[in-house]
Amino acid sequence: MARPDTHRNPASDEVDLATLVTSLIKDLRFGAVEIIVHEGRVVQVERKEKYRFDKPG
């Protein structure tokens, strides 16, 4: 039995991933975008955003 992901178009997936990552970092001021890879395949993308406040001076 073939794995379900063997019929996917890798070039199309790469474009979608690039678009996703670009959109996640577009308006990110402080934080991180983490890409999780398992067995050479991206399985998860996380965006962590931080809000910083100046100390009253």
N, C-alpha and C. Protein backbone atom coordinates (compact mmCIF):
# COMPACT_ATOMS: atom_id res chain seq x y z
N MET A 1 0.85 -1.18 0.00
CA MET A 1 0.00 0.00 0.00
C MET A 1 0.89 1.24 0.00
N ALA A 2 0.62 2.17 -0.90
CA ALA A 2 1.42 3.40 -1.01
C ALA A 2 1.06 4.37 0.10
N ARG A 3 2.07 5.12 0.52
CA ARG A 3 1.81 6.16 1.51
C ARG A 3 1.00 7.28 0.86
N PRO A 4 0.07 7.89 1.60
CA PRO A 4 -0.76 8.95 1.01
C PRO A 4 0.03 10.14 0.49
N ASP A 5 1.17 10.46 1.10
CA ASP A 5 1.91 11.65 0.69
C ASP A 5 2.76 11.42 -0.55
N THR A 6 2.79 10.22 -1.11
CA THR A 6 3.61 9.96 -2.28
C THR A 6 2.99 10.55 -3.55
N HIS A 7 1.71 10.90 -3.51
CA HIS A 7 1.03 11.44 -4.68
C HIS A 7 0.96 12.95 -4.67
N ARG A 8 1.61 13.57 -3.71
CA ARG A 8 1.58 15.03 -3.62
C ARG A 8 2.65 15.63 -4.50
N ASN A 9 2.41 16.85 -4.95
CA ASN A 9 3.36 17.56 -5.80
C ASN A 9 4.31 18.36 -4.91
N PRO A 10 5.58 17.94 -4.74
CA PRO A 10 6.50 18.64 -3.85
C PRO A 10 6.73 20.09 -4.23
N ALA A 11 6.76 20.40 -5.51
CA ALA A 11 6.98 21.79 -5.93
C ALA A 11 5.83 22.67 -5.47
N SER A 12 4.62 22.17 -5.59
CA SER A 12 3.44 22.91 -5.14
C SER A 12 3.47 23.10 -3.62
N ASP A 13 3.86 22.06 -2.88
CA ASP A 13 3.96 22.14 -1.42
C ASP A 13 4.98 23.18 -1.01
N GLU A 14 6.12 23.27 -1.72
CA GLU A 14 7.15 24.24 -1.39
C GLU A 14 6.66 25.67 -1.58
N VAL A 15 5.91 25.90 -2.64
CA VAL A 15 5.36 27.24 -2.89
C VAL A 15 4.37 27.59 -1.79
N ASP A 16 3.51 26.66 -1.43
CA ASP A 16 2.54 26.90 -0.36
C ASP A 16 3.25 27.18 0.96
N LEU A 17 4.30 26.44 1.25
CA LEU A 17 5.05 26.64 2.48
C LEU A 17 5.74 28.00 2.48
N ALA A 18 6.32 28.37 1.36
CA ALA A 18 6.98 29.67 1.26
C ALA A 18 5.97 30.80 1.46
N THR A 19 4.79 30.66 0.88
CA THR A 19 3.74 31.66 1.04
C THR A 19 3.29 31.73 2.49
N LEU A 20 3.13 30.58 3.12
CA LEU A 20 2.72 30.54 4.53
C LEU A 20 3.74 31.22 5.42
N VAL A 21 5.00 30.85 5.28
CA VAL A 21 6.06 31.43 6.12
C VAL A 21 6.17 32.93 5.89
N THR A 22 6.09 33.35 4.64
CA THR A 22 6.14 34.78 4.33
C THR A 22 5.00 35.52 5.01
N SER A 23 3.81 34.97 4.97
CA SER A 23 2.67 35.64 5.59
C SER A 23 2.79 35.67 7.12
N LEU A 24 3.41 34.65 7.69
CA LEU A 24 3.57 34.60 9.15
C LEU A 24 4.58 35.63 9.66
N ILE A 25 5.61 35.92 8.87
CA ILE A 25 6.62 36.87 9.34
C ILE A 25 6.37 38.29 8.85
N LYS A 26 5.41 38.46 7.96
CA LYS A 26 5.17 39.76 7.35
C LYS A 26 4.97 40.88 8.37
N ASP A 27 4.11 40.67 9.36
CA ASP A 27 3.82 41.71 10.34
C ASP A 27 4.31 41.35 11.75
N LEU A 28 5.24 40.42 11.82
CA LEU A 28 5.79 39.99 13.11
C LEU A 28 6.90 40.96 13.54
N ARG A 29 6.72 41.61 14.69
CA ARG A 29 7.73 42.56 15.17
C ARG A 29 8.74 41.88 16.08
N PHE A 30 8.26 41.11 17.05
CA PHE A 30 9.12 40.38 17.98
C PHE A 30 8.56 38.97 18.10
N GLY A 31 9.38 37.99 17.87
CA GLY A 31 8.91 36.62 17.99
C GLY A 31 9.71 35.67 17.12
N ALA A 32 9.09 34.55 16.79
CA ALA A 32 9.79 33.52 16.02
C ALA A 32 8.80 32.70 15.21
N VAL A 33 9.28 32.19 14.08
CA VAL A 33 8.53 31.23 13.29
C VAL A 33 9.38 29.96 13.31
N GLU A 34 8.77 28.87 13.79
CA GLU A 34 9.50 27.61 13.92
C GLU A 34 8.91 26.60 12.94
N ILE A 35 9.79 25.95 12.17
CA ILE A 35 9.37 24.95 11.19
C ILE A 35 9.83 23.59 11.69
N ILE A 36 8.88 22.69 11.88
CA ILE A 36 9.17 21.35 12.39
C ILE A 36 9.24 20.38 11.21
N VAL A 37 10.33 19.64 11.13
CA VAL A 37 10.56 18.69 10.04
C VAL A 37 10.66 17.28 10.62
N HIS A 38 9.98 16.35 10.00
CA HIS A 38 10.06 14.95 10.41
C HIS A 38 10.32 14.11 9.17
N GLU A 39 11.42 13.37 9.20
CA GLU A 39 11.83 12.52 8.08
C GLU A 39 11.89 13.30 6.76
N GLY A 40 12.45 14.51 6.83
CA GLY A 40 12.66 15.31 5.63
C GLY A 40 11.42 16.03 5.11
N ARG A 41 10.34 16.01 5.87
CA ARG A 41 9.09 16.64 5.44
C ARG A 41 8.60 17.61 6.50
N VAL A 42 8.18 18.79 6.09
CA VAL A 42 7.64 19.77 7.04
C VAL A 42 6.30 19.26 7.52
N VAL A 43 6.17 19.14 8.85
CA VAL A 43 4.93 18.62 9.42
C VAL A 43 4.19 19.66 10.26
N GLN A 44 4.88 20.75 10.62
CA GLN A 44 4.24 21.73 11.49
C GLN A 44 4.98 23.06 11.38
N VAL A 45 4.23 24.15 11.46
CA VAL A 45 4.80 25.50 11.49
C VAL A 45 4.15 26.23 12.65
N GLU A 46 4.99 26.83 13.52
CA GLU A 46 4.49 27.54 14.68
C GLU A 46 4.94 28.99 14.63
N ARG A 47 4.06 29.88 15.06
CA ARG A 47 4.41 31.30 15.18
C ARG A 47 4.26 31.69 16.64
N LYS A 48 5.34 32.22 17.18
CA LYS A 48 5.33 32.69 18.56
C LYS A 48 5.55 34.19 18.53
N GLU A 49 4.63 34.92 19.10
CA GLU A 49 4.70 36.37 19.05
C GLU A 49 4.85 36.93 20.46
N LYS A 50 5.73 37.93 20.58
CA LYS A 50 5.97 38.55 21.87
C LYS A 50 5.52 40.01 21.79
N TYR A 51 4.95 40.48 22.87
CA TYR A 51 4.58 41.89 22.98
C TYR A 51 5.48 42.50 24.02
N ARG A 52 6.19 43.54 23.65
CA ARG A 52 7.12 44.19 24.58
C ARG A 52 6.58 45.55 24.96
N PHE A 53 6.72 45.85 26.23
CA PHE A 53 6.25 47.13 26.75
C PHE A 53 7.42 47.85 27.39
N ASP A 54 7.54 49.12 27.10
CA ASP A 54 8.60 49.92 27.71
C ASP A 54 8.31 50.10 29.20
N LYS A 55 9.38 50.08 29.99
CA LYS A 55 9.24 50.34 31.41
C LYS A 55 8.95 51.83 31.60
N PRO A 56 8.05 52.17 32.52
CA PRO A 56 7.80 53.59 32.77
C PRO A 56 9.08 54.27 33.24
N GLY A 57 9.41 55.37 32.65
CA GLY A 57 10.68 56.00 32.98
C GLY A 57 10.51 57.34 33.52
